[in-house]
Amino acid sequence: MKQKRREFDRDFKLQAVQMIRDQGLSVGQVCRDMDLGETAVRRWVAQVDAERGGQSGIGKPLTAEQQRIRQLETENRQLRQDNDLLKKASAFFARELK
């Protein structure tokens, strides 16, 4: 029988990383205490380190700053697309008026 994949929210992941980084616990100890796989926890630690270093990291952002950056990047991309569309439309109508 196949086991269902567990999902963890951002706060839970940050708590696990905080136990490793701030409290000085080992990855193995945190995994045993919280019944987690080491691969996932190591990935969370690497992602938080990357995000704190200014990189985007992998997957859903964990830190609040990285979440805000991704939101602003999405908004910026949409505004650029809207701006390009408006430029094309104004060029089209300018030709029509001549």
PDB file of N, CA and C in Angstrom:
ATOM      1  N   MET A   1       0.844  -1.186   0.000  1.00  0.00           N
ATOM      2  CA  MET A   1       0.000   0.000   0.000  1.00  0.00           C
ATOM      3  C   MET A   1       0.885   1.244   0.000  1.00  0.00           C
ATOM      4  N   LYS A   2       0.521   2.194  -0.827  1.00  0.00           N
ATOM      5  CA  LYS A   2       1.317   3.410  -0.961  1.00  0.00           C
ATOM      6  C   LYS A   2       1.011   4.384   0.178  1.00  0.00           C
ATOM      7  N   GLN A   3       2.066   4.948   0.743  1.00  0.00           N
ATOM      8  CA  GLN A   3       1.917   5.894   1.840  1.00  0.00           C
ATOM      9  C   GLN A   3       1.673   7.290   1.280  1.00  0.00           C
ATOM     10  N   LYS A   4       0.757   8.026   1.875  1.00  0.00           N
ATOM     11  CA  LYS A   4       0.443   9.373   1.417  1.00  0.00           C
ATOM     12  C   LYS A   4       1.587  10.322   1.756  1.00  0.00           C
ATOM     13  N   ARG A   5       1.911  11.167   0.814  1.00  0.00           N
ATOM     14  CA  ARG A   5       2.979  12.146   1.003  1.00  0.00           C
ATOM     15  C   ARG A   5       2.523  13.219   1.989  1.00  0.00           C
ATOM     16  N   ARG A   6       3.349  13.480   2.982  1.00  0.00           N
ATOM     17  CA  ARG A   6       3.015  14.503   3.971  1.00  0.00           C
ATOM     18  C   ARG A   6       3.397  15.874   3.445  1.00  0.00           C
ATOM     19  N   GLU A   7       2.616  16.865   3.812  1.00  0.00           N
ATOM     20  CA  GLU A   7       2.905  18.253   3.442  1.00  0.00           C
ATOM     21  C   GLU A   7       3.047  19.075   4.715  1.00  0.00           C
ATOM     22  N   PHE A   8       3.991  20.014   4.673  1.00  0.00           N
ATOM     23  CA  PHE A   8       4.261  20.848   5.840  1.00  0.00           C
ATOM     24  C   PHE A   8       4.129  22.312   5.439  1.00  0.00           C
ATOM     25  N   ASP A   9       3.574  23.114   6.333  1.00  0.00           N
ATOM     26  CA  ASP A   9       3.431  24.536   6.024  1.00  0.00           C
ATOM     27  C   ASP A   9       4.747  25.266   6.276  1.00  0.00           C
ATOM     28  N   ARG A  10       4.788  26.495   5.828  1.00  0.00           N
ATOM     29  CA  ARG A  10       5.997  27.328   5.899  1.00  0.00           C
ATOM     30  C   ARG A  10       6.479  27.488   7.339  1.00  0.00           C
ATOM     31  N   ASP A  11       5.573  27.724   8.261  1.00  0.00           N
ATOM     32  CA  ASP A  11       5.957  27.939   9.661  1.00  0.00           C
ATOM     33  C   ASP A  11       6.603  26.694  10.273  1.00  0.00           C
ATOM     34  N   PHE A  12       6.079  25.529   9.929  1.00  0.00           N
ATOM     35  CA  PHE A  12       6.645  24.287  10.436  1.00  0.00           C
ATOM     36  C   PHE A  12       8.075  24.103   9.930  1.00  0.00           C
ATOM     37  N   LYS A  13       8.274  24.368   8.638  1.00  0.00           N
ATOM     38  CA  LYS A  13       9.608  24.239   8.040  1.00  0.00           C
ATOM     39  C   LYS A  13      10.587  25.222   8.681  1.00  0.00           C
ATOM     40  N   LEU A  14      10.126  26.456   8.872  1.00  0.00           N
ATOM     41  CA  LEU A  14      10.994  27.461   9.497  1.00  0.00           C
ATOM     42  C   LEU A  14      11.327  27.089  10.936  1.00  0.00           C
ATOM     43  N   GLN A  15      10.380  26.491  11.639  1.00  0.00           N
ATOM     44  CA  GLN A  15      10.636  26.059  13.011  1.00  0.00           C
ATOM     45  C   GLN A  15      11.721  24.986  13.038  1.00  0.00           C
ATOM     46  N   ALA A  16      11.659  24.032  12.117  1.00  0.00           N
ATOM     47  CA  ALA A  16      12.672  22.978  12.057  1.00  0.00           C
ATOM     48  C   ALA A  16      14.043  23.569  11.747  1.00  0.00           C
ATOM     49  N   VAL A  17      14.093  24.491  10.804  1.00  0.00           N
ATOM     50  CA  VAL A  17      15.364  25.130  10.444  1.00  0.00           C
ATOM     51  C   VAL A  17      15.885  25.951  11.610  1.00  0.00           C
ATOM     52  N   GLN A  18      15.006  26.633  12.308  1.00  0.00           N
ATOM     53  CA  GLN A  18      15.415  27.447  13.460  1.00  0.00           C
ATOM     54  C   GLN A  18      16.021  26.571  14.555  1.00  0.00           C
ATOM     55  N   MET A  19      15.471  25.389  14.750  1.00  0.00           N
ATOM     56  CA  MET A  19      16.018  24.482  15.760  1.00  0.00           C
ATOM     57  C   MET A  19      17.453  24.098  15.403  1.00  0.00           C
ATOM     58  N   ILE A  20      17.732  23.962  14.109  1.00  0.00           N
ATOM     59  CA  ILE A  20      19.074  23.587  13.669  1.00  0.00           C
ATOM     60  C   ILE A  20      20.014  24.783  13.727  1.00  0.00           C
ATOM     61  N   ARG A  21      19.593  25.904  13.170  1.00  0.00           N
ATOM     62  CA  ARG A  21      20.470  27.067  13.059  1.00  0.00           C
ATOM     63  C   ARG A  21      20.619  27.834  14.376  1.00  0.00           C
ATOM     64  N   ASP A  22      19.514  28.096  15.045  1.00  0.00           N
ATOM     65  CA  ASP A  22      19.557  28.957  16.233  1.00  0.00           C
ATOM     66  C   ASP A  22      19.830  28.193  17.528  1.00  0.00           C
ATOM     67  N   GLN A  23      19.286  26.998  17.635  1.00  0.00           N
ATOM     68  CA  GLN A  23      19.443  26.236  18.867  1.00  0.00           C
ATOM     69  C   GLN A  23      20.629  25.276  18.814  1.00  0.00           C
ATOM     70  N   GLY A  24      21.221  25.126  17.645  1.00  0.00           N
ATOM     71  CA  GLY A  24      22.412  24.304  17.515  1.00  0.00           C
ATOM     72  C   GLY A  24      22.176  22.809  17.516  1.00  0.00           C
ATOM     73  N   LEU A  25      20.946  22.374  17.287  1.00  0.00           N
ATOM     74  CA  LEU A  25      20.667  20.941  17.224  1.00  0.00           C
ATOM     75  C   LEU A  25      21.138  20.384  15.884  1.00  0.00           C
ATOM     76  N   SER A  26      21.430  19.104  15.851  1.00  0.00           N
ATOM     77  CA  SER A  26      21.848  18.481  14.599  1.00  0.00           C
ATOM     78  C   SER A  26      20.619  18.160  13.750  1.00  0.00           C
ATOM     79  N   VAL A  27      20.852  17.985  12.461  1.00  0.00           N
ATOM     80  CA  VAL A  27      19.756  17.637  11.549  1.00  0.00           C
ATOM     81  C   VAL A  27      19.155  16.302  11.967  1.00  0.00           C
ATOM     82  N   GLY A  28      20.006  15.350  12.296  1.00  0.00           N
ATOM     83  CA  GLY A  28      19.524  14.040  12.715  1.00  0.00           C
ATOM     84  C   GLY A  28      18.655  14.105  13.956  1.00  0.00           C
ATOM     85  N   GLN A  29      19.055  14.917  14.932  1.00  0.00           N
ATOM     86  CA  GLN A  29      18.282  15.044  16.168  1.00  0.00           C
ATOM     87  C   GLN A  29      16.913  15.657  15.893  1.00  0.00           C
ATOM     88  N   VAL A  30      16.879  16.709  15.085  1.00  0.00           N
ATOM     89  CA  VAL A  30      15.605  17.348  14.748  1.00  0.00           C
ATOM     90  C   VAL A  30      14.708  16.370  14.005  1.00  0.00           C
ATOM     91  N   CYS A  31      15.286  15.597  13.101  1.00  0.00           N
ATOM     92  CA  CYS A  31      14.502  14.621  12.338  1.00  0.00           C
ATOM     93  C   CYS A  31      13.900  13.552  13.249  1.00  0.00           C
ATOM     94  N   ARG A  32      14.694  13.075  14.199  1.00  0.00           N
ATOM     95  CA  ARG A  32      14.171  12.074  15.134  1.00  0.00           C
ATOM     96  C   ARG A  32      13.079  12.673  16.018  1.00  0.00           C
ATOM     97  N   ASP A  33      13.305  13.883  16.517  1.00  0.00           N
ATOM     98  CA  ASP A  33      12.338  14.519  17.420  1.00  0.00           C
ATOM     99  C   ASP A  33      11.022  14.834  16.720  1.00  0.00           C
ATOM    100  N   MET A  34      11.099  15.210  15.458  1.00  0.00           N
ATOM    101  CA  MET A  34       9.897  15.653  14.743  1.00  0.00           C
ATOM    102  C   MET A  34       9.383  14.607  13.742  1.00  0.00           C
ATOM    103  N   ASP A  35       9.996  13.433  13.723  1.00  0.00           N
ATOM    104  CA  ASP A  35       9.617  12.344  12.820  1.00  0.00           C
ATOM    105  C   ASP A  35       9.623  12.808  11.352  1.00  0.00           C
ATOM    106  N   LEU A  36      10.793  13.305  10.935  1.00  0.00           N
ATOM    107  CA  LEU A  36      10.958  13.820   9.584  1.00  0.00           C
ATOM    108  C   LEU A  36      12.095  13.093   8.879  1.00  0.00           C
ATOM    109  N   GLY A  37      12.087  13.174   7.557  1.00  0.00           N
ATOM    110  CA  GLY A  37      13.186  12.624   6.775  1.00  0.00           C
ATOM    111  C   GLY A  37      14.324  13.628   6.678  1.00  0.00           C
ATOM    112  N   GLU A  38      15.553  13.121   6.725  1.00  0.00           N
ATOM    113  CA  GLU A  38      16.709  14.023   6.704  1.00  0.00           C
ATOM    114  C   GLU A  38      16.830  14.781   5.391  1.00  0.00           C
ATOM    115  N   THR A  39      16.484  14.142   4.297  1.00  0.00           N
ATOM    116  CA  THR A  39      16.604  14.798   2.994  1.00  0.00           C
ATOM    117  C   THR A  39      15.749  16.055   2.929  1.00  0.00           C
ATOM    118  N   ALA A  40      14.524  15.955   3.394  1.00  0.00           N
ATOM    119  CA  ALA A  40      13.623  17.107   3.365  1.00  0.00           C
ATOM    120  C   ALA A  40      14.143  18.229   4.257  1.00  0.00           C
ATOM    121  N   VAL A  41      14.583  17.884   5.440  1.00  0.00           N
ATOM    122  CA  VAL A  41      15.057  18.906   6.377  1.00  0.00           C
ATOM    123  C   VAL A  41      16.321  19.575   5.843  1.00  0.00           C
ATOM    124  N   ARG A  42      17.219  18.802   5.279  1.00  0.00           N
ATOM    125  CA  ARG A  42      18.431  19.390   4.697  1.00  0.00           C
ATOM    126  C   ARG A  42      18.074  20.327   3.541  1.00  0.00           C
ATOM    127  N   ARG A  43      17.070  19.966   2.771  1.00  0.00           N
ATOM    128  CA  ARG A  43      16.608  20.822   1.673  1.00  0.00           C
ATOM    129  C   ARG A  43      16.017  22.123   2.221  1.00  0.00           C
ATOM    130  N   TRP A  44      15.267  22.035   3.309  1.00  0.00           N
ATOM    131  CA  TRP A  44      14.703  23.246   3.927  1.00  0.00           C
ATOM    132  C   TRP A  44      15.808  24.160   4.432  1.00  0.00           C
ATOM    133  N   VAL A  45      16.815  23.575   5.057  1.00  0.00           N
ATOM    134  CA  VAL A  45      17.935  24.366   5.569  1.00  0.00           C
ATOM    135  C   VAL A  45      18.651  25.064   4.413  1.00  0.00           C
ATOM    136  N   ALA A  46      18.908  24.318   3.340  1.00  0.00           N
ATOM    137  CA  ALA A  46      19.586  24.899   2.175  1.00  0.00           C
ATOM    138  C   ALA A  46      18.747  26.013   1.554  1.00  0.00           C
ATOM    139  N   GLN A  47      17.437  25.814   1.510  1.00  0.00           N
ATOM    140  CA  GLN A  47      16.559  26.833   0.933  1.00  0.00           C
ATOM    141  C   GLN A  47      16.563  28.099   1.779  1.00  0.00           C
ATOM    142  N   VAL A  48      16.466  27.971   3.075  1.00  0.00           N
ATOM    143  CA  VAL A  48      16.473  29.151   3.951  1.00  0.00           C
ATOM    144  C   VAL A  48      17.817  29.863   3.849  1.00  0.00           C
ATOM    145  N   ASP A  49      18.907  29.101   3.818  1.00  0.00           N
ATOM    146  CA  ASP A  49      20.236  29.717   3.672  1.00  0.00           C
ATOM    147  C   ASP A  49      20.335  30.481   2.361  1.00  0.00           C
ATOM    148  N   ALA A  50      19.816  29.894   1.271  1.00  0.00           N
ATOM    149  CA  ALA A  50      19.858  30.564  -0.028  1.00  0.00           C
ATOM    150  C   ALA A  50      19.017  31.834  -0.012  1.00  0.00           C
ATOM    151  N   GLU A  51      17.823  31.753   0.579  1.00  0.00           N
ATOM    152  CA  GLU A  51      16.939  32.915   0.631  1.00  0.00           C
ATOM    153  C   GLU A  51      17.532  34.030   1.481  1.00  0.00           C
ATOM    154  N   ARG A  52      18.149  33.668   2.572  1.00  0.00           N
ATOM    155  CA  ARG A  52      18.771  34.686   3.427  1.00  0.00           C
ATOM    156  C   ARG A  52      19.992  35.289   2.752  1.00  0.00           C
ATOM    157  N   GLY A  53      20.588  34.540   1.827  1.00  0.00           N
ATOM    158  CA  GLY A  53      21.734  35.030   1.067  1.00  0.00           C
ATOM    159  C   GLY A  53      21.342  35.855  -0.145  1.00  0.00           C
ATOM    160  N   GLY A  54      20.043  36.040  -0.353  1.00  0.00           N
ATOM    161  CA  GLY A  54      19.574  36.867  -1.456  1.00  0.00           C
ATOM    162  C   GLY A  54      19.209  36.098  -2.707  1.00  0.00           C
ATOM    163  N   GLN A  55      19.375  34.789  -2.702  1.00  0.00           N
ATOM    164  CA  GLN A  55      18.996  33.978  -3.855  1.00  0.00           C
ATOM    165  C   GLN A  55      17.546  33.563  -3.715  1.00  0.00           C
ATOM    166  N   SER A  56      16.974  33.071  -4.811  1.00  0.00           N
ATOM    167  CA  SER A  56      15.558  32.728  -4.773  1.00  0.00           C
ATOM    168  C   SER A  56      15.280  31.376  -4.144  1.00  0.00           C
ATOM    169  N   GLY A  57      16.256  30.489  -4.079  1.00  0.00           N
ATOM    170  CA  GLY A  57      16.012  29.185  -3.502  1.00  0.00           C
ATOM    171  C   GLY A  57      15.185  28.314  -4.438  1.00  0.00           C
ATOM    172  N   ILE A  58      14.794  27.155  -3.953  1.00  0.00           N
ATOM    173  CA  ILE A  58      14.057  26.194  -4.761  1.00  0.00           C
ATOM    174  C   ILE A  58      12.681  25.999  -4.137  1.00  0.00           C
ATOM    175  N   GLY A  59      11.665  25.900  -4.969  1.00  0.00           N
ATOM    176  CA  GLY A  59      10.328  25.634  -4.454  1.00  0.00           C
ATOM    177  C   GLY A  59       9.667  26.883  -3.906  1.00  0.00           C
ATOM    178  N   LYS A  60       8.658  26.656  -3.082  1.00  0.00           N
ATOM    179  CA  LYS A  60       7.928  27.768  -2.485  1.00  0.00           C
ATOM    180  C   LYS A  60       8.846  28.512  -1.524  1.00  0.00           C
ATOM    181  N   PRO A  61       8.797  29.838  -1.554  1.00  0.00           N
ATOM    182  CA  PRO A  61       9.657  30.602  -0.653  1.00  0.00           C
ATOM    183  C   PRO A  61       9.271  30.387   0.806  1.00  0.00           C
ATOM    184  N   LEU A  62      10.278  30.342   1.663  1.00  0.00           N
ATOM    185  CA  LEU A  62      10.037  30.125   3.089  1.00  0.00           C
ATOM    186  C   LEU A  62      10.092  31.414   3.887  1.00  0.00           C
ATOM    187  N   THR A  63      11.027  32.285   3.562  1.00  0.00           N
ATOM    188  CA  THR A  63      11.142  33.515   4.338  1.00  0.00           C
ATOM    189  C   THR A  63      10.157  34.560   3.828  1.00  0.00           C
ATOM    190  N   ALA A  64       9.747  35.438   4.715  1.00  0.00           N
ATOM    191  CA  ALA A  64       8.778  36.474   4.348  1.00  0.00           C
ATOM    192  C   ALA A  64       9.340  37.396   3.272  1.00  0.00           C
ATOM    193  N   GLU A  65      10.631  37.687   3.348  1.00  0.00           N
ATOM    194  CA  GLU A  65      11.246  38.568   2.352  1.00  0.00           C
ATOM    195  C   GLU A  65      11.192  37.939   0.972  1.00  0.00           C
ATOM    196  N   GLN A  66      11.490  36.638   0.905  1.00  0.00           N
ATOM    197  CA  GLN A  66      11.488  35.962  -0.391  1.00  0.00           C
ATOM    198  C   GLN A  66      10.069  35.838  -0.937  1.00  0.00           C
ATOM    199  N   GLN A  67       9.097  35.663  -0.067  1.00  0.00           N
ATOM    200  CA  GLN A  67       7.703  35.629  -0.523  1.00  0.00           C
ATOM    201  C   GLN A  67       7.328  36.969  -1.142  1.00  0.00           C
ATOM    202  N   ARG A  68       7.724  38.041  -0.500  1.00  0.00           N
ATOM    203  CA  ARG A  68       7.421  39.385  -1.010  1.00  0.00           C
ATOM    204  C   ARG A  68       8.132  39.635  -2.340  1.00  0.00           C
ATOM    205  N   ILE A  69       9.384  39.180  -2.448  1.00  0.00           N
ATOM    206  CA  ILE A  69      10.129  39.355  -3.698  1.00  0.00           C
ATOM    207  C   ILE A  69       9.430  38.612  -4.825  1.00  0.00           C
ATOM    208  N   ARG A  70       9.012  37.386  -4.575  1.00  0.00           N
ATOM    209  CA  ARG A  70       8.320  36.616  -5.626  1.00  0.00           C
ATOM    210  C   ARG A  70       7.008  37.279  -6.019  1.00  0.00           C
ATOM    211  N   GLN A  71       6.292  37.810  -5.038  1.00  0.00           N
ATOM    212  CA  GLN A  71       5.036  38.497  -5.328  1.00  0.00           C
ATOM    213  C   GLN A  71       5.298  39.723  -6.196  1.00  0.00           C
ATOM    214  N   LEU A  72       6.323  40.497  -5.854  1.00  0.00           N
ATOM    215  CA  LEU A  72       6.649  41.695  -6.629  1.00  0.00           C
ATOM    216  C   LEU A  72       7.147  41.343  -8.030  1.00  0.00           C
ATOM    217  N   GLU A  73       7.888  40.254  -8.156  1.00  0.00           N
ATOM    218  CA  GLU A  73       8.349  39.821  -9.477  1.00  0.00           C
ATOM    219  C   GLU A  73       7.171  39.435 -10.364  1.00  0.00           C
ATOM    220  N   THR A  74       6.197  38.744  -9.784  1.00  0.00           N
ATOM    221  CA  THR A  74       5.003  38.363 -10.535  1.00  0.00           C
ATOM    222  C   THR A  74       4.226  39.598 -10.964  1.00  0.00           C
ATOM    223  N   GLU A  75       4.061  40.531 -10.056  1.00  0.00           N
ATOM    224  CA  GLU A  75       3.347  41.768 -10.362  1.00  0.00           C
ATOM    225  C   GLU A  75       4.091  42.569 -11.432  1.00  0.00           C
ATOM    226  N   ASN A  76       5.403  42.639 -11.326  1.00  0.00           N
ATOM    227  CA  ASN A  76       6.220  43.356 -12.296  1.00  0.00           C
ATOM    228  C   ASN A  76       6.084  42.733 -13.687  1.00  0.00           C
ATOM    229  N   ARG A  77       6.122  41.391 -13.751  1.00  0.00           N
ATOM    230  CA  ARG A  77       5.975  40.690 -15.022  1.00  0.00           C
ATOM    231  C   ARG A  77       4.615  41.004 -15.661  1.00  0.00           C
ATOM    232  N   GLN A  78       3.554  41.012 -14.850  1.00  0.00           N
ATOM    233  CA  GLN A  78       2.215  41.300 -15.361  1.00  0.00           C
ATOM    234  C   GLN A  78       2.115  42.743 -15.855  1.00  0.00           C
ATOM    235  N   LEU A  79       2.689  43.669 -15.119  1.00  0.00           N
ATOM    236  CA  LEU A  79       2.652  45.072 -15.531  1.00  0.00           C
ATOM    237  C   LEU A  79       3.430  45.301 -16.825  1.00  0.00           C
ATOM    238  N   ARG A  80       4.544  44.611 -16.994  1.00  0.00           N
ATOM    239  CA  ARG A  80       5.301  44.724 -18.246  1.00  0.00           C
ATOM    240  C   ARG A  80       4.492  44.193 -19.428  1.00  0.00           C
ATOM    241  N   GLN A  81       3.793  43.074 -19.220  1.00  0.00           N
ATOM    242  CA  GLN A  81       2.951  42.531 -20.281  1.00  0.00           C
ATOM    243  C   GLN A  81       1.824  43.502 -20.624  1.00  0.00           C
ATOM    244  N   ASP A  82       1.198  44.078 -19.610  1.00  0.00           N
ATOM    245  CA  ASP A  82       0.131  45.059 -19.846  1.00  0.00           C
ATOM    246  C   ASP A  82       0.667  46.270 -20.591  1.00  0.00           C
ATOM    247  N   ASN A  83       1.856  46.727 -20.210  1.00  0.00           N
ATOM    248  CA  ASN A  83       2.473  47.883 -20.855  1.00  0.00           C
ATOM    249  C   ASN A  83       2.767  47.587 -22.327  1.00  0.00           C
ATOM    250  N   ASP A  84       3.295  46.405 -22.618  1.00  0.00           N
ATOM    251  CA  ASP A  84       3.566  46.026 -24.008  1.00  0.00           C
ATOM    252  C   ASP A  84       2.282  45.993 -24.829  1.00  0.00           C
ATOM    253  N   LEU A  85       1.219  45.469 -24.241  1.00  0.00           N
ATOM    254  CA  LEU A  85      -0.065  45.415 -24.941  1.00  0.00           C
ATOM    255  C   LEU A  85      -0.572  46.826 -25.235  1.00  0.00           C
ATOM    256  N   LEU A  86      -0.462  47.723 -24.272  1.00  0.00           N
ATOM    257  CA  LEU A  86      -0.908  49.098 -24.476  1.00  0.00           C
ATOM    258  C   LEU A  86      -0.081  49.806 -25.553  1.00  0.00           C
ATOM    259  N   LYS A  87       1.209  49.534 -25.602  1.00  0.00           N
ATOM    260  CA  LYS A  87       2.054  50.121 -26.639  1.00  0.00           C
ATOM    261  C   LYS A  87       1.621  49.639 -28.018  1.00  0.00           C
ATOM    262  N   LYS A  88       1.348  48.352 -28.135  1.00  0.00           N
ATOM    263  CA  LYS A  88       0.913  47.807 -29.423  1.00  0.00           C
ATOM    264  C   LYS A  88      -0.441  48.381 -29.823  1.00  0.00           C
ATOM    265  N   ALA A  89      -1.332  48.498 -28.860  1.00  0.00           N
ATOM    266  CA  ALA A  89      -2.657  49.041 -29.158  1.00  0.00           C
ATOM    267  C   ALA A  89      -2.564  50.504 -29.576  1.00  0.00           C
ATOM    268  N   SER A  90      -1.732  51.289 -28.902  1.00  0.00           N
ATOM    269  CA  SER A  90      -1.613  52.702 -29.270  1.00  0.00           C
ATOM    270  C   SER A  90      -0.968  52.844 -30.644  1.00  0.00           C
ATOM    271  N   ALA A  91      -0.010  51.985 -30.981  1.00  0.00           N
ATOM    272  CA  ALA A  91       0.593  52.024 -32.312  1.00  0.00           C
ATOM    273  C   ALA A  91      -0.435  51.647 -33.370  1.00  0.00           C
ATOM    274  N   PHE A  92      -1.263  50.664 -33.085  1.00  0.00           N
ATOM    275  CA  PHE A  92      -2.311  50.250 -34.031  1.00  0.00           C
ATOM    276  C   PHE A  92      -3.294  51.389 -34.280  1.00  0.00           C
ATOM    277  N   PHE A  93      -3.772  52.014 -33.225  1.00  0.00           N
ATOM    278  CA  PHE A  93      -4.746  53.102 -33.378  1.00  0.00           C
ATOM    279  C   PHE A  93      -4.125  54.340 -34.005  1.00  0.00           C
ATOM    280  N   ALA A  94      -2.851  54.582 -33.771  1.00  0.00           N
ATOM    281  CA  ALA A  94      -2.179  55.703 -34.397  1.00  0.00           C
ATOM    282  C   ALA A  94      -2.117  55.504 -35.910  1.00  0.00           C
ATOM    283  N   ARG A  95      -1.888  54.269 -36.368  1.00  0.00           N
ATOM    284  CA  ARG A  95      -1.881  53.985 -37.807  1.00  0.00           C
ATOM    285  C   ARG A  95      -3.270  54.134 -38.396  1.00  0.00           C
ATOM    286  N   GLU A  96      -4.293  53.744 -37.648  1.00  0.00           N
ATOM    287  CA  GLU A  96      -5.662  53.813 -38.127  1.00  0.00           C
ATOM    288  C   GLU A  96      -6.122  55.277 -38.333  1.00  0.00           C
ATOM    289  N   LEU A  97      -5.610  56.179 -37.533  1.00  0.00           N
ATOM    290  CA  LEU A  97      -6.024  57.578 -37.618  1.00  0.00           C
ATOM    291  C   LEU A  97      -5.410  58.285 -38.822  1.00  0.00           C
ATOM    292  N   LYS A  98      -4.312  57.783 -39.352  1.00  0.00           N
ATOM    293  CA  LYS A  98      -3.645  58.428 -40.485  1.00  0.00           C
ATOM    294  C   LYS A  98      -4.299  58.143 -41.790  1.00  0.00           C
TER     295      LYS A  98
END
